[in-house]
Amino acid sequence: MKIKLSDYQKELEEKIKKGKIEKGLAEEVLTWIQFFQHERLVHLIVTFFAGIGTILFLLGALYFETIALLLLFLITLCLFVPYIFHYYYLENGVQHLYDIYFEIKKKSS
């Protein structure tokens, strides 16, 4: 999804630089924004539950003092950190698409 988002942003920025803003481009960008917003929502939910699981495993490992829960904590922590970075990228990418959309709307009017 990262590659798709960055490629689409580059494509739009190229069209803006060259002045090739077609009539339906703004609506197309809105459609893509909706797709990326859906992806962002899914990753927010997954990130939230991965974070909750990580915290619960940590609390369980501290309370029950077991190695198994500590290992589960470390595993979920290793999953949680990349989820945070991926969600951060999606969030900023969608925000950047908003800026591109408003620029296209301004230039097409």
PDB file of N, CA and C in Angstrom:
ATOM      1  N   MET A   1       0.818  -1.189   0.000  1.00  0.00           N
ATOM      2  CA  MET A   1       0.000   0.000   0.000  1.00  0.00           C
ATOM      3  C   MET A   1       0.869   1.263   0.000  1.00  0.00           C
ATOM      4  N   LYS A   2       2.030   1.165   0.671  1.00  0.00           N
ATOM      5  CA  LYS A   2       2.934   2.321   0.690  1.00  0.00           C
ATOM      6  C   LYS A   2       3.367   2.689  -0.725  1.00  0.00           C
ATOM      7  N   ILE A   3       3.713   1.683  -1.502  1.00  0.00           N
ATOM      8  CA  ILE A   3       4.200   1.926  -2.858  1.00  0.00           C
ATOM      9  C   ILE A   3       3.094   2.525  -3.716  1.00  0.00           C
ATOM     10  N   LYS A   4       1.892   1.977  -3.581  1.00  0.00           N
ATOM     11  CA  LYS A   4       0.761   2.471  -4.354  1.00  0.00           C
ATOM     12  C   LYS A   4       0.469   3.937  -4.020  1.00  0.00           C
ATOM     13  N   LEU A   5       0.505   4.268  -2.736  1.00  0.00           N
ATOM     14  CA  LEU A   5       0.243   5.632  -2.300  1.00  0.00           C
ATOM     15  C   LEU A   5       1.317   6.595  -2.799  1.00  0.00           C
ATOM     16  N   SER A   6       2.573   6.224  -2.637  1.00  0.00           N
ATOM     17  CA  SER A   6       3.649   7.125  -3.072  1.00  0.00           C
ATOM     18  C   SER A   6       3.682   7.268  -4.596  1.00  0.00           C
ATOM     19  N   ASP A   7       3.422   6.178  -5.326  1.00  0.00           N
ATOM     20  CA  ASP A   7       3.379   6.269  -6.791  1.00  0.00           C
ATOM     21  C   ASP A   7       2.251   7.184  -7.257  1.00  0.00           C
ATOM     22  N   TYR A   8       1.100   7.076  -6.617  1.00  0.00           N
ATOM     23  CA  TYR A   8      -0.038   7.916  -6.998  1.00  0.00           C
ATOM     24  C   TYR A   8       0.240   9.385  -6.691  1.00  0.00           C
ATOM     25  N   GLN A   9       0.874   9.654  -5.562  1.00  0.00           N
ATOM     26  CA  GLN A   9       1.226  11.034  -5.225  1.00  0.00           C
ATOM     27  C   GLN A   9       2.202  11.610  -6.254  1.00  0.00           C
ATOM     28  N   LYS A  10       3.205  10.826  -6.633  1.00  0.00           N
ATOM     29  CA  LYS A  10       4.182  11.292  -7.626  1.00  0.00           C
ATOM     30  C   LYS A  10       3.507  11.554  -8.968  1.00  0.00           C
ATOM     31  N   GLU A  11       2.598  10.656  -9.346  1.00  0.00           N
ATOM     32  CA  GLU A  11       1.878  10.825 -10.608  1.00  0.00           C
ATOM     33  C   GLU A  11       1.064  12.122 -10.611  1.00  0.00           C
ATOM     34  N   LEU A  12       0.388  12.387  -9.516  1.00  0.00           N
ATOM     35  CA  LEU A  12      -0.417  13.614  -9.430  1.00  0.00           C
ATOM     36  C   LEU A  12       0.458  14.861  -9.424  1.00  0.00           C
ATOM     37  N   GLU A  13       1.555  14.815  -8.693  1.00  0.00           N
ATOM     38  CA  GLU A  13       2.455  15.969  -8.643  1.00  0.00           C
ATOM     39  C   GLU A  13       3.053  16.249 -10.020  1.00  0.00           C
ATOM     40  N   GLU A  14       3.336  15.181 -10.778  1.00  0.00           N
ATOM     41  CA  GLU A  14       3.844  15.342 -12.135  1.00  0.00           C
ATOM     42  C   GLU A  14       2.804  16.011 -13.036  1.00  0.00           C
ATOM     43  N   LYS A  15       1.544  15.576 -12.903  1.00  0.00           N
ATOM     44  CA  LYS A  15       0.476  16.182 -13.699  1.00  0.00           C
ATOM     45  C   LYS A  15       0.304  17.655 -13.360  1.00  0.00           C
ATOM     46  N   ILE A  16       0.423  17.992 -12.104  1.00  0.00           N
ATOM     47  CA  ILE A  16       0.286  19.394 -11.692  1.00  0.00           C
ATOM     48  C   ILE A  16       1.440  20.219 -12.250  1.00  0.00           C
ATOM     49  N   LYS A  17       2.671  19.691 -12.181  1.00  0.00           N
ATOM     50  CA  LYS A  17       3.831  20.417 -12.705  1.00  0.00           C
ATOM     51  C   LYS A  17       3.709  20.674 -14.203  1.00  0.00           C
ATOM     52  N   LYS A  18       3.233  19.652 -14.931  1.00  0.00           N
ATOM     53  CA  LYS A  18       3.111  19.780 -16.381  1.00  0.00           C
ATOM     54  C   LYS A  18       1.845  20.518 -16.795  1.00  0.00           C
ATOM     55  N   GLY A  19       0.950  20.762 -15.826  1.00  0.00           N
ATOM     56  CA  GLY A  19      -0.298  21.461 -16.135  1.00  0.00           C
ATOM     57  C   GLY A  19      -1.315  20.585 -16.839  1.00  0.00           C
ATOM     58  N   LYS A  20      -1.170  19.266 -16.702  1.00  0.00           N
ATOM     59  CA  LYS A  20      -2.092  18.330 -17.359  1.00  0.00           C
ATOM     60  C   LYS A  20      -3.202  17.923 -16.385  1.00  0.00           C
ATOM     61  N   ILE A  21      -4.047  18.873 -16.061  1.00  0.00           N
ATOM     62  CA  ILE A  21      -5.139  18.603 -15.139  1.00  0.00           C
ATOM     63  C   ILE A  21      -6.408  18.397 -15.954  1.00  0.00           C
ATOM     64  N   GLU A  22      -6.811  17.126 -16.067  1.00  0.00           N
ATOM     65  CA  GLU A  22      -8.016  16.804 -16.827  1.00  0.00           C
ATOM     66  C   GLU A  22      -9.251  17.199 -16.029  1.00  0.00           C
ATOM     67  N   LYS A  23     -10.383  17.154 -16.730  1.00  0.00           N
ATOM     68  CA  LYS A  23     -11.632  17.594 -16.120  1.00  0.00           C
ATOM     69  C   LYS A  23     -12.040  16.741 -14.917  1.00  0.00           C
ATOM     70  N   GLY A  24     -11.948  15.437 -15.000  1.00  0.00           N
ATOM     71  CA  GLY A  24     -12.417  14.560 -13.928  1.00  0.00           C
ATOM     72  C   GLY A  24     -11.349  14.163 -12.925  1.00  0.00           C
ATOM     73  N   LEU A  25     -10.199  14.839 -12.950  1.00  0.00           N
ATOM     74  CA  LEU A  25      -9.094  14.452 -12.081  1.00  0.00           C
ATOM     75  C   LEU A  25      -9.436  14.642 -10.604  1.00  0.00           C
ATOM     76  N   ALA A  26     -10.121  15.720 -10.267  1.00  0.00           N
ATOM     77  CA  ALA A  26     -10.457  15.975  -8.866  1.00  0.00           C
ATOM     78  C   ALA A  26     -11.347  14.864  -8.304  1.00  0.00           C
ATOM     79  N   GLU A  27     -12.311  14.402  -9.101  1.00  0.00           N
ATOM     80  CA  GLU A  27     -13.194  13.327  -8.645  1.00  0.00           C
ATOM     81  C   GLU A  27     -12.424  12.011  -8.501  1.00  0.00           C
ATOM     82  N   GLU A  28     -11.482  11.783  -9.427  1.00  0.00           N
ATOM     83  CA  GLU A  28     -10.643  10.581  -9.337  1.00  0.00           C
ATOM     84  C   GLU A  28      -9.813  10.602  -8.058  1.00  0.00           C
ATOM     85  N   VAL A  29      -9.263  11.767  -7.733  1.00  0.00           N
ATOM     86  CA  VAL A  29      -8.458  11.894  -6.516  1.00  0.00           C
ATOM     87  C   VAL A  29      -9.320  11.635  -5.281  1.00  0.00           C
ATOM     88  N   LEU A  30     -10.548  12.146  -5.293  1.00  0.00           N
ATOM     89  CA  LEU A  30     -11.457  11.889  -4.170  1.00  0.00           C
ATOM     90  C   LEU A  30     -11.732  10.397  -3.998  1.00  0.00           C
ATOM     91  N   THR A  31     -11.886   9.681  -5.099  1.00  0.00           N
ATOM     92  CA  THR A  31     -12.118   8.237  -5.037  1.00  0.00           C
ATOM     93  C   THR A  31     -10.912   7.536  -4.416  1.00  0.00           C
ATOM     94  N   TRP A  32      -9.710   7.916  -4.869  1.00  0.00           N
ATOM     95  CA  TRP A  32      -8.505   7.307  -4.313  1.00  0.00           C
ATOM     96  C   TRP A  32      -8.345   7.661  -2.841  1.00  0.00           C
ATOM     97  N   ILE A  33      -8.699   8.888  -2.458  1.00  0.00           N
ATOM     98  CA  ILE A  33      -8.627   9.280  -1.052  1.00  0.00           C
ATOM     99  C   ILE A  33      -9.532   8.378  -0.219  1.00  0.00           C
ATOM    100  N   GLN A  34     -10.720   8.066  -0.730  1.00  0.00           N
ATOM    101  CA  GLN A  34     -11.629   7.179   0.002  1.00  0.00           C
ATOM    102  C   GLN A  34     -11.024   5.789   0.185  1.00  0.00           C
ATOM    103  N   PHE A  35     -10.381   5.267  -0.859  1.00  0.00           N
ATOM    104  CA  PHE A  35      -9.726   3.961  -0.743  1.00  0.00           C
ATOM    105  C   PHE A  35      -8.639   3.995   0.326  1.00  0.00           C
ATOM    106  N   PHE A  36      -7.807   5.039   0.282  1.00  0.00           N
ATOM    107  CA  PHE A  36      -6.717   5.141   1.245  1.00  0.00           C
ATOM    108  C   PHE A  36      -7.233   5.415   2.657  1.00  0.00           C
ATOM    109  N   GLN A  37      -8.341   6.132   2.787  1.00  0.00           N
ATOM    110  CA  GLN A  37      -8.935   6.346   4.107  1.00  0.00           C
ATOM    111  C   GLN A  37      -9.436   5.023   4.687  1.00  0.00           C
ATOM    112  N   HIS A  38     -10.018   4.190   3.842  1.00  0.00           N
ATOM    113  CA  HIS A  38     -10.470   2.885   4.309  1.00  0.00           C
ATOM    114  C   HIS A  38      -9.284   2.058   4.785  1.00  0.00           C
ATOM    115  N   GLU A  39      -8.228   2.057   4.021  1.00  0.00           N
ATOM    116  CA  GLU A  39      -7.013   1.339   4.401  1.00  0.00           C
ATOM    117  C   GLU A  39      -6.462   1.881   5.715  1.00  0.00           C
ATOM    118  N   ARG A  40      -6.506   3.189   5.858  1.00  0.00           N
ATOM    119  CA  ARG A  40      -6.020   3.831   7.081  1.00  0.00           C
ATOM    120  C   ARG A  40      -6.863   3.408   8.284  1.00  0.00           C
ATOM    121  N   LEU A  41      -8.184   3.331   8.118  1.00  0.00           N
ATOM    122  CA  LEU A  41      -9.068   2.910   9.196  1.00  0.00           C
ATOM    123  C   LEU A  41      -8.787   1.467   9.613  1.00  0.00           C
ATOM    124  N   VAL A  42      -8.608   0.602   8.634  1.00  0.00           N
ATOM    125  CA  VAL A  42      -8.300  -0.802   8.938  1.00  0.00           C
ATOM    126  C   VAL A  42      -6.994  -0.896   9.725  1.00  0.00           C
ATOM    127  N   HIS A  43      -5.988  -0.152   9.297  1.00  0.00           N
ATOM    128  CA  HIS A  43      -4.709  -0.194   9.999  1.00  0.00           C
ATOM    129  C   HIS A  43      -4.793   0.453  11.372  1.00  0.00           C
ATOM    130  N   LEU A  44      -5.647   1.444  11.539  1.00  0.00           N
ATOM    131  CA  LEU A  44      -5.843   2.028  12.866  1.00  0.00           C
ATOM    132  C   LEU A  44      -6.425   0.988  13.819  1.00  0.00           C
ATOM    133  N   ILE A  45      -7.413   0.243  13.356  1.00  0.00           N
ATOM    134  CA  ILE A  45      -8.038  -0.786  14.194  1.00  0.00           C
ATOM    135  C   ILE A  45      -7.028  -1.877  14.544  1.00  0.00           C
ATOM    136  N   VAL A  46      -6.268  -2.331  13.549  1.00  0.00           N
ATOM    137  CA  VAL A  46      -5.266  -3.373  13.794  1.00  0.00           C
ATOM    138  C   VAL A  46      -4.194  -2.859  14.754  1.00  0.00           C
ATOM    139  N   THR A  47      -3.755  -1.614  14.559  1.00  0.00           N
ATOM    140  CA  THR A  47      -2.737  -1.034  15.429  1.00  0.00           C
ATOM    141  C   THR A  47      -3.261  -0.916  16.859  1.00  0.00           C
ATOM    142  N   PHE A  48      -4.511  -0.509  17.000  1.00  0.00           N
ATOM    143  CA  PHE A  48      -5.112  -0.375  18.324  1.00  0.00           C
ATOM    144  C   PHE A  48      -5.119  -1.719  19.051  1.00  0.00           C
ATOM    145  N   PHE A  49      -5.589  -2.762  18.386  1.00  0.00           N
ATOM    146  CA  PHE A  49      -5.661  -4.064  19.038  1.00  0.00           C
ATOM    147  C   PHE A  49      -4.280  -4.678  19.260  1.00  0.00           C
ATOM    148  N   ALA A  50      -3.344  -4.418  18.373  1.00  0.00           N
ATOM    149  CA  ALA A  50      -1.974  -4.893  18.596  1.00  0.00           C
ATOM    150  C   ALA A  50      -1.380  -4.200  19.819  1.00  0.00           C
ATOM    151  N   GLY A  51      -1.672  -2.910  19.980  1.00  0.00           N
ATOM    152  CA  GLY A  51      -1.193  -2.180  21.156  1.00  0.00           C
ATOM    153  C   GLY A  51      -1.821  -2.683  22.441  1.00  0.00           C
ATOM    154  N   ILE A  52      -3.135  -2.941  22.387  1.00  0.00           N
ATOM    155  CA  ILE A  52      -3.820  -3.477  23.572  1.00  0.00           C
ATOM    156  C   ILE A  52      -3.252  -4.851  23.937  1.00  0.00           C
ATOM    157  N   GLY A  53      -3.044  -5.698  22.931  1.00  0.00           N
ATOM    158  CA  GLY A  53      -2.462  -7.020  23.180  1.00  0.00           C
ATOM    159  C   GLY A  53      -1.071  -6.917  23.771  1.00  0.00           C
ATOM    160  N   THR A  54      -0.274  -6.002  23.259  1.00  0.00           N
ATOM    161  CA  THR A  54       1.080  -5.815  23.765  1.00  0.00           C
ATOM    162  C   THR A  54       1.053  -5.410  25.240  1.00  0.00           C
ATOM    163  N   ILE A  55       0.202  -4.470  25.580  1.00  0.00           N
ATOM    164  CA  ILE A  55       0.094  -4.015  26.968  1.00  0.00           C
ATOM    165  C   ILE A  55      -0.412  -5.133  27.880  1.00  0.00           C
ATOM    166  N   LEU A  56      -1.416  -5.880  27.409  1.00  0.00           N
ATOM    167  CA  LEU A  56      -1.947  -6.971  28.228  1.00  0.00           C
ATOM    168  C   LEU A  56      -0.902  -8.060  28.474  1.00  0.00           C
ATOM    169  N   PHE A  57      -0.125  -8.383  27.450  1.00  0.00           N
ATOM    170  CA  PHE A  57       0.929  -9.383  27.649  1.00  0.00           C
ATOM    171  C   PHE A  57       1.999  -8.877  28.604  1.00  0.00           C
ATOM    172  N   LEU A  58       2.316  -7.592  28.536  1.00  0.00           N
ATOM    173  CA  LEU A  58       3.291  -7.024  29.469  1.00  0.00           C
ATOM    174  C   LEU A  58       2.758  -7.079  30.898  1.00  0.00           C
ATOM    175  N   LEU A  59       1.517  -6.657  31.083  1.00  0.00           N
ATOM    176  CA  LEU A  59       0.924  -6.689  32.416  1.00  0.00           C
ATOM    177  C   LEU A  59       0.822  -8.127  32.944  1.00  0.00           C
ATOM    178  N   GLY A  60       0.445  -9.053  32.066  1.00  0.00           N
ATOM    179  CA  GLY A  60       0.377 -10.460  32.466  1.00  0.00           C
ATOM    180  C   GLY A  60       1.739 -11.005  32.842  1.00  0.00           C
ATOM    181  N   ALA A  61       2.758 -10.634  32.069  1.00  0.00           N
ATOM    182  CA  ALA A  61       4.114 -11.109  32.373  1.00  0.00           C
ATOM    183  C   ALA A  61       4.599 -10.541  33.702  1.00  0.00           C
ATOM    184  N   LEU A  62       4.261  -9.293  33.986  1.00  0.00           N
ATOM    185  CA  LEU A  62       4.677  -8.693  35.258  1.00  0.00           C
ATOM    186  C   LEU A  62       3.891  -9.285  36.432  1.00  0.00           C
ATOM    187  N   TYR A  63       2.617  -9.529  36.236  1.00  0.00           N
ATOM    188  CA  TYR A  63       1.769 -10.025  37.326  1.00  0.00           C
ATOM    189  C   TYR A  63       2.041 -11.506  37.629  1.00  0.00           C
ATOM    190  N   PHE A  64       2.072 -12.316  36.565  1.00  0.00           N
ATOM    191  CA  PHE A  64       2.234 -13.762  36.763  1.00  0.00           C
ATOM    192  C   PHE A  64       3.700 -14.204  36.758  1.00  0.00           C
ATOM    193  N   GLU A  65       4.587 -13.306  36.376  1.00  0.00           N
ATOM    194  CA  GLU A  65       6.035 -13.573  36.340  1.00  0.00           C
ATOM    195  C   GLU A  65       6.364 -14.857  35.559  1.00  0.00           C
ATOM    196  N   THR A  66       5.851 -14.926  34.327  1.00  0.00           N
ATOM    197  CA  THR A  66       6.136 -16.092  33.487  1.00  0.00           C
ATOM    198  C   THR A  66       6.909 -15.660  32.247  1.00  0.00           C
ATOM    199  N   ILE A  67       7.787 -16.533  31.830  1.00  0.00           N
ATOM    200  CA  ILE A  67       8.605 -16.276  30.643  1.00  0.00           C
ATOM    201  C   ILE A  67       7.743 -16.313  29.381  1.00  0.00           C
ATOM    202  N   ALA A  68       6.742 -17.206  29.359  1.00  0.00           N
ATOM    203  CA  ALA A  68       5.895 -17.350  28.162  1.00  0.00           C
ATOM    204  C   ALA A  68       5.179 -16.040  27.837  1.00  0.00           C
ATOM    205  N   LEU A  69       4.631 -15.388  28.850  1.00  0.00           N
ATOM    206  CA  LEU A  69       3.946 -14.111  28.608  1.00  0.00           C
ATOM    207  C   LEU A  69       4.932 -13.017  28.229  1.00  0.00           C
ATOM    208  N   LEU A  70       6.123 -13.089  28.784  1.00  0.00           N
ATOM    209  CA  LEU A  70       7.153 -12.118  28.411  1.00  0.00           C
ATOM    210  C   LEU A  70       7.554 -12.296  26.952  1.00  0.00           C
ATOM    211  N   LEU A  71       7.653 -13.546  26.496  1.00  0.00           N
ATOM    212  CA  LEU A  71       7.962 -13.811  25.085  1.00  0.00           C
ATOM    213  C   LEU A  71       6.833 -13.325  24.179  1.00  0.00           C
ATOM    214  N   LEU A  72       5.587 -13.559  24.603  1.00  0.00           N
ATOM    215  CA  LEU A  72       4.454 -13.049  23.821  1.00  0.00           C
ATOM    216  C   LEU A  72       4.456 -11.529  23.765  1.00  0.00           C
ATOM    217  N   PHE A  73       4.823 -10.903  24.878  1.00  0.00           N
ATOM    218  CA  PHE A  73       4.951  -9.444  24.889  1.00  0.00           C
ATOM    219  C   PHE A  73       5.986  -8.988  23.868  1.00  0.00           C
ATOM    220  N   LEU A  74       7.139  -9.624  23.850  1.00  0.00           N
ATOM    221  CA  LEU A  74       8.201  -9.235  22.915  1.00  0.00           C
ATOM    222  C   LEU A  74       7.780  -9.452  21.468  1.00  0.00           C
ATOM    223  N   ILE A  75       7.075 -10.545  21.207  1.00  0.00           N
ATOM    224  CA  ILE A  75       6.601 -10.822  19.843  1.00  0.00           C
ATOM    225  C   ILE A  75       5.599  -9.763  19.396  1.00  0.00           C
ATOM    226  N   THR A  76       4.630  -9.475  20.266  1.00  0.00           N
ATOM    227  CA  THR A  76       3.625  -8.468  19.880  1.00  0.00           C
ATOM    228  C   THR A  76       4.242  -7.074  19.798  1.00  0.00           C
ATOM    229  N   LEU A  77       5.250  -6.811  20.615  1.00  0.00           N
ATOM    230  CA  LEU A  77       5.939  -5.521  20.521  1.00  0.00           C
ATOM    231  C   LEU A  77       6.648  -5.393  19.171  1.00  0.00           C
ATOM    232  N   CYS A  78       7.237  -6.503  18.713  1.00  0.00           N
ATOM    233  CA  CYS A  78       7.899  -6.502  17.403  1.00  0.00           C
ATOM    234  C   CYS A  78       6.897  -6.298  16.265  1.00  0.00           C
ATOM    235  N   LEU A  79       5.652  -6.672  16.472  1.00  0.00           N
ATOM    236  CA  LEU A  79       4.603  -6.415  15.476  1.00  0.00           C
ATOM    237  C   LEU A  79       4.036  -5.012  15.610  1.00  0.00           C
ATOM    238  N   PHE A  80       3.924  -4.550  16.834  1.00  0.00           N
ATOM    239  CA  PHE A  80       3.290  -3.267  17.105  1.00  0.00           C
ATOM    240  C   PHE A  80       4.094  -2.087  16.557  1.00  0.00           C
ATOM    241  N   VAL A  81       5.387  -2.121  16.717  1.00  0.00           N
ATOM    242  CA  VAL A  81       6.232  -0.996  16.278  1.00  0.00           C
ATOM    243  C   VAL A  81       6.124  -0.769  14.762  1.00  0.00           C
ATOM    244  N   PRO A  82       6.236  -1.804  13.913  1.00  0.00           N
ATOM    245  CA  PRO A  82       6.038  -1.561  12.477  1.00  0.00           C
ATOM    246  C   PRO A  82       4.629  -1.083  12.130  1.00  0.00           C
ATOM    247  N   TYR A  83       3.619  -1.556  12.869  1.00  0.00           N
ATOM    248  CA  TYR A  83       2.252  -1.071  12.640  1.00  0.00           C
ATOM    249  C   TYR A  83       2.168   0.431  12.877  1.00  0.00           C
ATOM    250  N   ILE A  84       2.837   0.904  13.904  1.00  0.00           N
ATOM    251  CA  ILE A  84       2.840   2.342  14.207  1.00  0.00           C
ATOM    252  C   ILE A  84       3.445   3.117  13.038  1.00  0.00           C
ATOM    253  N   PHE A  85       4.594   2.663  12.555  1.00  0.00           N
ATOM    254  CA  PHE A  85       5.248   3.366  11.453  1.00  0.00           C
ATOM    255  C   PHE A  85       4.407   3.312  10.174  1.00  0.00           C
ATOM    256  N   HIS A  86       3.784   2.167   9.915  1.00  0.00           N
ATOM    257  CA  HIS A  86       2.960   2.047   8.719  1.00  0.00           C
ATOM    258  C   HIS A  86       1.736   2.952   8.811  1.00  0.00           C
ATOM    259  N   TYR A  87       1.094   2.981   9.966  1.00  0.00           N
ATOM    260  CA  TYR A  87      -0.068   3.851  10.139  1.00  0.00           C
ATOM    261  C   TYR A  87       0.335   5.317  10.010  1.00  0.00           C
ATOM    262  N   TYR A  88       1.490   5.668  10.554  1.00  0.00           N
ATOM    263  CA  TYR A  88       2.001   7.036  10.450  1.00  0.00           C
ATOM    264  C   TYR A  88       2.176   7.415   8.978  1.00  0.00           C
ATOM    265  N   TYR A  89       2.739   6.511   8.183  1.00  0.00           N
ATOM    266  CA  TYR A  89       2.932   6.781   6.760  1.00  0.00           C
ATOM    267  C   TYR A  89       1.594   6.956   6.044  1.00  0.00           C
ATOM    268  N   LEU A  90       0.631   6.074   6.338  1.00  0.00           N
ATOM    269  CA  LEU A  90      -0.685   6.186   5.708  1.00  0.00           C
ATOM    270  C   LEU A  90      -1.371   7.498   6.079  1.00  0.00           C
ATOM    271  N   GLU A  91      -1.291   7.859   7.330  1.00  0.00           N
ATOM    272  CA  GLU A  91      -1.923   9.101   7.801  1.00  0.00           C
ATOM    273  C   GLU A  91      -1.331  10.304   7.070  1.00  0.00           C
ATOM    274  N   ASN A  92      -0.027  10.400   7.027  1.00  0.00           N
ATOM    275  CA  ASN A  92       0.615  11.530   6.363  1.00  0.00           C
ATOM    276  C   ASN A  92       0.391  11.504   4.859  1.00  0.00           C
ATOM    277  N   GLY A  93       0.348  10.307   4.278  1.00  0.00           N
ATOM    278  CA  GLY A  93       0.097  10.193   2.846  1.00  0.00           C
ATOM    279  C   GLY A  93      -1.289  10.679   2.464  1.00  0.00           C
ATOM    280  N   VAL A  94      -2.291  10.333   3.262  1.00  0.00           N
ATOM    281  CA  VAL A  94      -3.650  10.789   2.984  1.00  0.00           C
ATOM    282  C   VAL A  94      -3.753  12.303   3.186  1.00  0.00           C
ATOM    283  N   GLN A  95      -3.091  12.814   4.201  1.00  0.00           N
ATOM    284  CA  GLN A  95      -3.079  14.267   4.410  1.00  0.00           C
ATOM    285  C   GLN A  95      -2.448  14.984   3.205  1.00  0.00           C
ATOM    286  N   HIS A  96      -1.397  14.386   2.664  1.00  0.00           N
ATOM    287  CA  HIS A  96      -0.748  14.969   1.485  1.00  0.00           C
ATOM    288  C   HIS A  96      -1.679  14.913   0.268  1.00  0.00           C
ATOM    289  N   LEU A  97      -2.449  13.829   0.150  1.00  0.00           N
ATOM    290  CA  LEU A  97      -3.430  13.739  -0.941  1.00  0.00           C
ATOM    291  C   LEU A  97      -4.495  14.822  -0.818  1.00  0.00           C
ATOM    292  N   TYR A  98      -4.878  15.160   0.415  1.00  0.00           N
ATOM    293  CA  TYR A  98      -5.818  16.269   0.609  1.00  0.00           C
ATOM    294  C   TYR A  98      -5.244  17.554   0.016  1.00  0.00           C
ATOM    295  N   ASP A  99      -3.978  17.820   0.321  1.00  0.00           N
ATOM    296  CA  ASP A  99      -3.328  19.036  -0.196  1.00  0.00           C
ATOM    297  C   ASP A  99      -3.291  19.029  -1.723  1.00  0.00           C
ATOM    298  N   ILE A 100      -2.963  17.883  -2.300  1.00  0.00           N
ATOM    299  CA  ILE A 100      -2.926  17.762  -3.759  1.00  0.00           C
ATOM    300  C   ILE A 100      -4.319  17.985  -4.338  1.00  0.00           C
ATOM    301  N   TYR A 101      -5.332  17.414  -3.697  1.00  0.00           N
ATOM    302  CA  TYR A 101      -6.709  17.582  -4.161  1.00  0.00           C
ATOM    303  C   TYR A 101      -7.101  19.057  -4.179  1.00  0.00           C
ATOM    304  N   PHE A 102      -6.810  19.770  -3.098  1.00  0.00           N
ATOM    305  CA  PHE A 102      -7.170  21.185  -3.037  1.00  0.00           C
ATOM    306  C   PHE A 102      -6.406  22.005  -4.079  1.00  0.00           C
ATOM    307  N   GLU A 103      -5.175  21.632  -4.346  1.00  0.00           N
ATOM    308  CA  GLU A 103      -4.392  22.311  -5.381  1.00  0.00           C
ATOM    309  C   GLU A 103      -4.994  22.064  -6.758  1.00  0.00           C
ATOM    310  N   ILE A 104      -5.422  20.838  -7.019  1.00  0.00           N
ATOM    311  CA  ILE A 104      -6.055  20.508  -8.305  1.00  0.00           C
ATOM    312  C   ILE A 104      -7.361  21.278  -8.438  1.00  0.00           C
ATOM    313  N   LYS A 105      -8.163  21.315  -7.372  1.00  0.00           N
ATOM    314  CA  LYS A 105      -9.430  22.046  -7.421  1.00  0.00           C
ATOM    315  C   LYS A 105      -9.198  23.529  -7.705  1.00  0.00           C
ATOM    316  N   LYS A 106      -8.178  24.091  -7.094  1.00  0.00           N
ATOM    317  CA  LYS A 106      -7.864  25.508  -7.280  1.00  0.00           C
ATOM    318  C   LYS A 106      -7.428  25.784  -8.716  1.00  0.00           C
ATOM    319  N   LYS A 107      -6.599  24.906  -9.277  1.00  0.00           N
ATOM    320  CA  LYS A 107      -6.085  25.126 -10.628  1.00  0.00           C
ATOM    321  C   LYS A 107      -7.105  24.786 -11.706  1.00  0.00           C
ATOM    322  N   SER A 108      -8.067  23.922 -11.388  1.00  0.00           N
ATOM    323  CA  SER A 108      -9.058  23.552 -12.401  1.00  0.00           C
ATOM    324  C   SER A 108     -10.237  24.513 -12.428  1.00  0.00           C
ATOM    325  N   SER A 109     -10.336  25.368 -11.437  1.00  0.00           N
ATOM    326  CA  SER A 109     -11.469  26.329 -11.405  1.00  0.00           C
ATOM    327  C   SER A 109     -11.212  27.538 -12.273  1.00  0.00           C
TER     328      SER A 109
END
